[in-house]
């Protein structure tokens, strides 16, 4: 069975949640402060339907507004060595470590700190930047060489997680040829007087009315990125470890046995019985279900409608998109038949509050609701 070979150092539906990050979020998950122009605020605009080309120019027609397009995609790393040639990571043939990548334009430098601007200027050819969390995951930073989807790149520097918007790797266009489903979103700097409604109207000149577009400011979200309200992939890796996997038919992935043996468990929990999840999820899952049962609400969680926790696949089983958090076993679906994807959610509000209290976020508030879905968001 192929497995990832590592050095001893360390080892979702196509929609995303719109929950505002509260003060209860652990300090280690907060976004670093970022400088901005006086009198301006920074926003992100994204859509679960993917923004079409031309939106950047439409928004920039608003007086005083600056915008840049970012493309998000999933790449696969098969090898990494440090600047001295020491092997850091290597996967078996056919396997790769999933890496969340953002492809940016030169204008991206306007949206980062002074230190970040100097690093963005280094991007050219096969040079990339990595985030601070990615540096910790790999155990190396500047000068590291990585093989991703058959091409070799060299790390020109390390961006803070805030400047990198929590993407693992930042590179300039053109986008990798291997990407089949890149996602486009906008970063926007606008004078305080420019409202979100004004920006939305500008977007609608390209998208048409009724297009599901989310516009969020830096005061509402820790990272200005597509799907800003769920934890970025690198943070899921940080708390639940990363894996090597190979892509299978039907939008599924096969995760290396070594990671599965270390992390996936089939254990009993209240109400639902025996479930298969990441071992680190069980304390908060049991805590939530015990509280539900203790408060006499157990009948509101129907075991016959439990639709699983660990399920290694792409979001919506669409190959080439982002990986579902079910791949880590950090999300679960309950009361599925009465909370179908895209339907009006019917979860009892008391159940939702208890799951949130125990560190989960809920898919019922997504642009396209996924009312059955609860996903790890923080530690309580």
Protein backbone atom coordinates (compact mmCIF):
# COMPACT_ATOMS: atom_id res chain seq x y z
CA UNK A 1 0.00 0.00 0.00
CA UNK A 2 1.68 3.29 -1.02
CA UNK A 3 2.39 5.70 1.84
CA UNK A 4 4.01 9.10 2.18
CA UNK A 5 7.67 9.08 3.23
CA UNK A 6 8.43 11.91 5.66
CA UNK A 7 11.47 13.12 7.58
CA UNK A 8 11.20 12.86 11.40
CA UNK A 9 10.43 16.63 11.83
CA UNK A 10 6.64 16.89 12.00
CA UNK A 11 4.33 15.46 10.73
CA UNK A 12 -16.69 20.13 1.55
CA UNK A 13 -20.09 20.73 -0.87
CA UNK A 14 -18.94 23.51 -3.17
CA UNK A 15 -19.98 26.21 -0.74
CA UNK A 16 -18.48 27.86 2.27
CA UNK A 17 -19.77 29.21 5.55
CA UNK A 18 -20.36 32.91 6.20
CA UNK A 19 -19.98 32.87 9.97
CA UNK A 20 -18.24 35.84 11.52
CA UNK A 21 -15.19 34.89 13.55
CA UNK A 22 -15.81 35.84 17.16
CA UNK A 23 -13.60 36.65 20.09
CA UNK A 24 -13.89 33.03 21.16
CA UNK A 25 -11.49 31.99 18.39
CA UNK A 26 -8.20 30.80 19.83
CA UNK A 27 -5.37 33.34 19.50
CA UNK A 28 -3.31 30.91 17.43
CA UNK A 29 -6.01 31.03 14.75
CA UNK A 30 -6.27 34.81 14.53
CA UNK A 31 -5.05 36.75 11.54
CA UNK A 32 -1.97 38.93 12.02
CA UNK A 33 -2.59 42.70 11.81
CA UNK A 34 -2.05 44.11 8.35
CA UNK A 35 -1.30 47.67 7.27
CA UNK A 36 -3.75 49.46 5.00
CA UNK A 37 -4.04 52.87 3.37
CA UNK A 38 -5.58 55.57 5.57
CA UNK A 39 -9.26 56.09 4.78
CA UNK A 40 -9.54 52.78 2.93
CA UNK A 41 -10.90 49.39 3.91
CA UNK A 42 -10.06 46.05 2.36
CA UNK A 43 -12.73 43.57 1.27
CA UNK A 44 -13.07 40.23 -0.44
CA UNK A 45 -15.74 39.37 -3.02
CA UNK A 46 -16.39 35.76 -3.96
CA UNK A 47 -19.17 33.52 -5.14
CA UNK A 48 -19.93 29.79 -4.79
CA UNK A 49 -20.76 29.99 -8.50
CA UNK A 50 -17.25 31.40 -9.21
CA UNK A 51 -16.84 35.01 -10.34
CA UNK A 52 -16.55 35.42 -14.11
CA UNK A 53 -13.77 37.30 -15.87
CA UNK A 54 -14.12 41.05 -16.14
CA UNK A 55 -15.32 41.72 -12.59
CA UNK A 56 -12.05 43.39 -11.63
CA UNK A 57 -12.38 46.08 -14.29
CA UNK A 58 -16.04 46.63 -13.42
CA UNK A 59 -15.25 47.27 -9.75
CA UNK A 60 -12.31 49.54 -10.56
CA UNK A 61 -14.67 51.89 -12.42
CA UNK A 62 -15.88 53.03 -9.00
CA UNK A 63 -14.03 56.21 -8.08
CA UNK A 64 -11.11 55.48 -5.75
CA UNK A 65 -11.46 51.69 -5.80
CA UNK A 66 -8.54 49.34 -6.49
CA UNK A 67 -8.99 45.62 -7.08
CA UNK A 68 -7.01 42.54 -8.01
CA UNK A 69 -8.02 39.08 -9.13
CA UNK A 70 -6.79 36.00 -7.30
CA UNK A 71 -7.12 32.45 -8.59
CA UNK A 72 -7.33 29.62 -6.08
CA UNK A 73 -6.56 26.01 -6.87
CA UNK A 74 -5.38 22.71 -5.48
CA UNK A 75 -1.94 21.43 -6.40
CA UNK A 76 -0.10 18.26 -5.40
CA UNK A 77 3.44 18.23 -4.02
CA UNK A 78 5.46 15.04 -4.52
CA UNK A 79 8.90 16.09 -3.25
CA UNK A 80 10.57 18.84 -1.21
CA UNK A 81 14.21 19.47 -0.31
CA UNK A 82 15.74 22.32 1.68
CA UNK A 83 18.26 24.80 0.27
CA UNK A 84 21.10 22.37 1.03
CA UNK A 85 19.41 19.48 -0.75
CA UNK A 86 18.23 17.65 2.36
CA UNK A 87 15.09 15.62 1.69
CA UNK A 88 12.07 16.97 3.58
CA UNK A 89 9.09 15.23 1.96
CA UNK A 90 8.58 12.59 -0.68
CA UNK A 91 5.52 10.59 -1.67
CA UNK A 92 5.18 7.21 -3.32
CA UNK A 93 4.51 7.09 -7.05
CA UNK A 94 1.00 8.26 -7.89
CA UNK A 95 0.57 10.03 -4.54
CA UNK A 96 0.93 13.70 -3.63
CA UNK A 97 0.43 16.04 -0.69
CA UNK A 98 -2.47 18.44 -1.41
CA UNK A 99 -1.33 22.08 -1.38
CA UNK A 100 -3.72 25.04 -1.54
CA UNK A 101 -2.28 27.59 -3.98
CA UNK A 102 -3.19 31.18 -4.83
CA UNK A 103 -2.15 32.63 -8.19
CA UNK A 104 -1.85 36.41 -7.96
CA UNK A 105 -1.22 39.40 -10.19
CA UNK A 106 1.50 42.02 -9.51
CA UNK A 107 -1.22 44.30 -8.08
CA UNK A 108 -1.49 41.87 -5.17
CA UNK A 109 1.42 43.78 -3.58
CA UNK A 110 -1.04 46.57 -2.68
CA UNK A 111 -2.84 44.18 -0.35
CA UNK A 112 0.09 43.09 1.80
CA UNK A 113 2.35 44.67 4.41
CA UNK A 114 5.55 46.55 3.58
CA UNK A 115 7.61 43.41 4.23
CA UNK A 116 5.23 41.41 2.08
CA UNK A 117 5.59 43.81 -0.86
CA UNK A 118 9.31 43.19 -1.02
CA UNK A 119 8.64 39.45 -1.18
CA UNK A 120 5.92 39.76 -3.84
CA UNK A 121 8.46 41.55 -6.04
CA UNK A 122 10.56 38.36 -6.04
CA UNK A 123 7.85 36.36 -7.80
CA UNK A 124 8.89 35.45 -11.32
CA UNK A 125 9.40 32.29 -13.31
CA UNK A 126 9.48 29.25 -11.06
CA UNK A 127 9.75 31.25 -7.83
CA UNK A 128 6.97 31.03 -5.26
CA UNK A 129 6.25 32.24 -1.75
CA UNK A 130 4.95 30.13 1.10
CA UNK A 131 3.03 31.05 4.24
CA UNK A 132 4.43 30.91 7.75
CA UNK A 133 2.31 27.85 8.55
CA UNK A 134 3.53 26.09 5.41
CA UNK A 135 7.11 26.80 6.50
CA UNK A 136 6.37 25.04 9.79
CA UNK A 137 4.70 22.12 8.02
CA UNK A 138 7.67 21.62 5.71
CA UNK A 139 10.40 22.48 8.22
CA UNK A 140 12.09 24.82 5.74
CA UNK A 141 11.56 28.19 4.09
CA UNK A 142 13.51 30.32 1.64
CA UNK A 143 15.56 28.28 -0.81
CA UNK A 144 13.42 25.16 -0.43
CA UNK A 145 12.66 23.40 -3.71
CA UNK A 146 9.35 21.65 -4.31
CA UNK A 147 8.04 19.45 -7.09
CA UNK A 148 4.38 20.19 -7.71
CA UNK A 149 2.30 18.48 -10.40
CA UNK A 150 5.45 17.61 -12.32
CA UNK A 151 7.12 21.04 -12.26
CA UNK A 152 9.81 22.34 -9.92
CA UNK A 153 9.50 25.57 -7.97
CA UNK A 154 11.83 27.38 -5.60
CA UNK A 155 10.70 29.24 -2.48
CA UNK A 156 11.77 32.89 -2.69
CA UNK A 157 10.50 33.85 0.75
CA UNK A 158 7.97 33.33 3.52
CA UNK A 159 4.86 35.52 3.84
CA UNK A 160 3.02 35.89 7.11
CA UNK A 161 -0.29 34.05 7.16
CA UNK A 162 -2.12 37.39 7.02
CA UNK A 163 -0.34 38.56 3.88
CA UNK A 164 -0.73 35.11 2.31
CA UNK A 165 -4.44 35.07 3.26
CA UNK A 166 -3.69 31.60 4.70
CA UNK A 167 -2.87 30.03 1.32
CA UNK A 168 0.01 27.59 1.49
CA UNK A 169 1.76 28.72 -1.70
CA UNK A 170 1.58 32.04 -3.58
CA UNK A 171 2.70 32.27 -7.21
CA UNK A 172 2.23 34.65 -10.12
CA UNK A 173 0.36 33.91 -13.31
CA UNK A 174 0.03 31.98 -15.51
CA UNK A 175 -1.87 29.42 -13.51
CA UNK A 176 -0.60 25.82 -13.47
CA UNK A 177 -1.69 23.85 -16.54
CA UNK A 178 -2.77 20.97 -14.29
CA UNK A 179 -5.58 23.01 -12.73
CA UNK A 180 -8.96 21.96 -14.01
CA UNK A 181 -11.23 23.97 -11.69
CA UNK A 182 -9.59 27.23 -10.62
CA UNK A 183 -11.70 29.58 -8.50
CA UNK A 184 -11.64 33.34 -9.09
CA UNK A 185 -12.26 35.93 -6.39
CA UNK A 186 -11.48 39.62 -5.86
CA UNK A 187 -9.52 41.58 -3.28
CA UNK A 188 -10.75 45.15 -3.12
CA UNK A 189 -9.44 48.35 -1.53
CA UNK A 190 -12.17 50.97 -1.33
CA UNK A 191 -12.66 54.34 0.37
CA UNK A 192 -14.84 54.11 3.47
CA UNK A 193 -17.58 55.99 1.60
CA UNK A 194 -17.96 53.15 -0.96
CA UNK A 195 -20.60 50.74 0.31
CA UNK A 196 -20.84 47.01 -0.27
CA UNK A 197 -24.07 47.61 -2.19
CA UNK A 198 -22.18 49.90 -4.58
CA UNK A 199 -19.57 47.20 -5.14
CA UNK A 200 -22.28 44.56 -5.62
CA UNK A 201 -24.01 46.70 -8.25
CA UNK A 202 -20.71 47.02 -10.10
CA UNK A 203 -20.25 43.25 -10.01
CA UNK A 204 -23.76 42.76 -11.35
CA UNK A 205 -22.84 44.63 -14.53
CA UNK A 206 -20.80 41.50 -15.33
CA UNK A 207 -22.55 38.72 -13.42
CA UNK A 208 -26.14 39.87 -13.85
CA UNK A 209 -28.60 40.27 -10.98
CA UNK A 210 -29.30 37.35 -8.72
CA UNK A 211 -25.71 36.04 -8.83
CA UNK A 212 -24.78 34.75 -5.36
CA UNK A 213 -21.92 37.04 -4.36
CA UNK A 214 -20.43 37.42 -0.90
CA UNK A 215 -18.67 40.67 0.05
CA UNK A 216 -16.89 40.75 3.40
CA UNK A 217 -14.61 43.30 5.03
CA UNK A 218 -11.42 42.74 7.01
CA UNK A 219 -13.36 43.51 10.20
CA UNK A 220 -15.67 40.55 9.57
CA UNK A 221 -13.28 37.77 8.66
CA UNK A 222 -9.76 36.68 9.67
CA UNK A 223 -8.66 36.02 6.07
CA UNK A 224 -9.70 37.75 2.86
CA UNK A 225 -10.11 34.71 0.66
CA UNK A 226 -12.63 32.54 -1.13
CA UNK A 227 -14.81 30.83 1.47
CA UNK A 228 -13.52 33.12 4.17
CA UNK A 229 -15.54 31.72 7.06
CA UNK A 230 -14.21 28.15 7.23
CA UNK A 231 -10.75 27.20 8.35
CA UNK A 232 -8.20 27.23 5.52
CA UNK A 233 -6.65 23.93 4.51
CA UNK A 234 -3.29 24.75 6.08
CA UNK A 235 -4.96 25.28 9.46
CA UNK A 236 -6.78 21.97 9.17
CA UNK A 237 -3.39 20.37 8.46
CA UNK A 238 -1.85 22.15 11.42
CA UNK A 239 -4.41 20.72 13.85
CA UNK A 240 -5.20 17.36 12.22
CA UNK A 241 -1.96 16.61 10.28
CA UNK A 242 -1.56 16.44 6.53
CA UNK A 243 -1.66 13.36 4.34
CA UNK A 244 -0.51 12.10 0.99
CA UNK A 245 -3.22 10.82 -1.33
CA UNK A 246 -3.89 9.78 -4.89
CA UNK A 247 -6.82 10.81 -7.01
CA UNK A 248 -9.40 8.17 -7.86
CA UNK A 249 -12.39 7.99 -10.20
CA UNK A 250 -15.63 9.60 -9.18
CA UNK A 251 -14.11 12.59 -7.38
CA UNK A 252 -12.65 10.49 -4.60
CA UNK A 253 -9.14 10.25 -3.17
CA UNK A 254 -7.26 7.39 -1.57
CA UNK A 255 -5.31 8.54 1.49
CA UNK A 256 -2.04 6.88 2.44
CA UNK A 257 -2.53 4.08 4.96
CA UNK A 258 0.05 5.50 7.35
CA UNK A 259 -2.05 8.62 7.98
CA UNK A 260 -5.26 6.62 8.24
CA UNK A 261 -3.77 4.27 10.82
CA UNK A 262 -2.56 7.18 12.92
CA UNK A 263 -5.63 9.38 12.78
CA UNK A 264 -8.92 7.74 11.76
CA UNK A 265 -10.86 5.90 14.45
CA UNK A 266 -14.21 4.10 14.68
CA UNK A 267 -15.49 4.84 18.17
CA UNK A 268 -18.90 5.13 19.91
CA UNK A 269 -20.53 8.49 20.63
CA UNK A 270 -23.84 9.38 22.29
CA UNK A 271 -27.07 9.22 20.25
CA UNK A 272 -25.42 8.29 16.90
CA UNK A 273 -23.70 5.10 18.03
CA UNK A 274 -20.38 4.12 16.42
CA UNK A 275 -18.96 6.61 13.94
CA UNK A 276 -15.71 6.99 11.97
CA UNK A 277 -13.93 10.35 12.39
CA UNK A 278 -10.52 11.88 13.07
CA UNK A 279 -9.42 10.86 16.56
CA UNK A 280 -9.00 14.53 17.60
CA UNK A 281 -12.62 15.32 16.74
CA UNK A 282 -14.14 12.85 19.19
CA UNK A 283 -13.79 14.95 22.39
CA UNK A 284 -15.79 17.88 20.99
CA UNK A 285 -18.23 15.64 19.11
CA UNK A 286 -18.96 13.66 22.26
CA UNK A 287 -19.21 16.88 24.25
CA UNK A 288 -21.84 18.30 21.90
CA UNK A 289 -23.89 15.11 21.74
CA UNK A 290 -23.75 14.58 25.51
CA UNK A 291 -25.05 18.10 26.08
CA UNK A 292 -27.82 17.54 23.55
CA UNK A 293 -28.81 14.34 25.34
CA UNK A 294 -28.52 15.89 28.81
CA UNK A 295 -30.87 18.71 27.83
CA UNK A 296 -33.51 16.27 26.63
CA UNK A 297 -32.96 17.10 22.95
CA UNK A 298 -31.65 13.73 21.80
CA UNK A 299 -34.78 13.05 19.77
CA UNK A 300 -33.81 15.98 17.52
CA UNK A 301 -30.75 14.08 16.24
CA UNK A 302 -32.00 11.07 14.28
CA UNK A 303 -29.41 8.24 14.00
CA UNK A 304 -31.17 6.88 10.91
CA UNK A 305 -30.40 10.14 9.09
CA UNK A 306 -26.71 10.26 10.02
CA UNK A 307 -24.75 10.53 6.74
CA UNK A 308 -21.16 10.08 7.88
CA UNK A 309 -18.01 11.84 9.07
CA UNK A 310 -14.85 10.48 7.41
CA UNK A 311 -15.23 10.37 3.63
CA UNK A 312 -12.11 11.01 1.52
CA UNK A 313 -13.17 13.04 -1.52
CA UNK A 314 -13.19 16.36 -3.30
CA UNK A 315 -15.94 18.82 -2.44
CA UNK A 316 -19.14 17.67 -4.14
CA UNK A 317 -16.98 14.86 -5.62
CA UNK A 318 -15.88 17.24 -8.40
CA UNK A 319 -12.29 16.27 -9.34
CA UNK A 320 -9.74 19.07 -9.13
CA UNK A 321 -11.68 21.26 -6.71
CA UNK A 322 -10.86 21.75 -3.04
CA UNK A 323 -10.81 18.78 -0.70
CA UNK A 324 -13.81 18.20 1.51
CA UNK A 325 -13.15 18.44 5.26
CA UNK A 326 -14.75 15.01 5.40
CA UNK A 327 -11.40 13.84 3.97
CA UNK A 328 -9.85 14.63 7.35
CA UNK A 329 -12.82 13.25 9.26
CA UNK A 330 -13.48 16.68 10.80
CA UNK A 331 -17.03 17.21 9.54
CA UNK A 332 -20.25 15.26 9.96
CA UNK A 333 -23.72 15.22 8.40
CA UNK A 334 -26.78 14.70 10.59
CA UNK A 335 -30.53 14.68 9.90
CA UNK A 336 -29.57 14.42 6.24
CA UNK A 337 -32.87 13.51 4.60
CA UNK A 338 -34.63 16.55 6.07
CA UNK A 339 -31.71 18.92 5.40
CA UNK A 340 -30.78 18.22 1.81
CA UNK A 341 -28.09 20.25 0.06
CA UNK A 342 -29.56 23.47 -1.32
CA UNK A 343 -32.80 23.10 0.63
CA UNK A 344 -34.04 25.41 3.37
CA UNK A 345 -32.36 24.09 6.58
CA UNK A 346 -34.56 22.41 9.16
CA UNK A 347 -32.11 21.80 12.00
CA UNK A 348 -33.47 22.80 15.39
CA UNK A 349 -31.84 26.06 16.50
CA UNK A 350 -30.98 24.54 19.89
CA UNK A 351 -28.95 21.80 18.22
CA UNK A 352 -27.09 24.35 16.10
CA UNK A 353 -26.26 26.47 19.18
CA UNK A 354 -24.84 23.49 21.06
CA UNK A 355 -22.66 22.36 18.15
CA UNK A 356 -21.36 25.92 17.76
CA UNK A 357 -20.61 26.09 21.47
CA UNK A 358 -18.45 22.99 21.10
CA UNK A 359 -16.44 24.43 18.21
CA UNK A 360 -18.38 23.44 15.08
CA UNK A 361 -19.62 25.66 12.29
CA UNK A 362 -22.87 24.95 10.47
CA UNK A 363 -23.54 24.74 6.74
CA UNK A 364 -27.07 26.04 7.08
CA UNK A 365 -25.85 29.64 6.70
CA UNK A 366 -23.91 29.03 3.49
CA UNK A 367 -24.92 30.84 0.24
CA UNK A 368 -26.22 27.47 -0.93
CA UNK A 369 -27.41 25.91 2.35
CA UNK A 370 -26.08 22.56 3.51
CA UNK A 371 -28.14 22.17 6.63
CA UNK A 372 -26.96 18.67 7.47
CA UNK A 373 -23.30 19.74 7.66
CA UNK A 374 -21.34 20.54 10.84
CA UNK A 375 -17.61 21.14 10.57
CA UNK A 376 -14.72 21.76 13.00
CA UNK A 377 -14.01 25.47 13.31
CA UNK A 378 -12.22 26.00 16.61
CA UNK A 379 -11.43 24.33 19.90
CA UNK A 380 -13.97 25.22 22.63
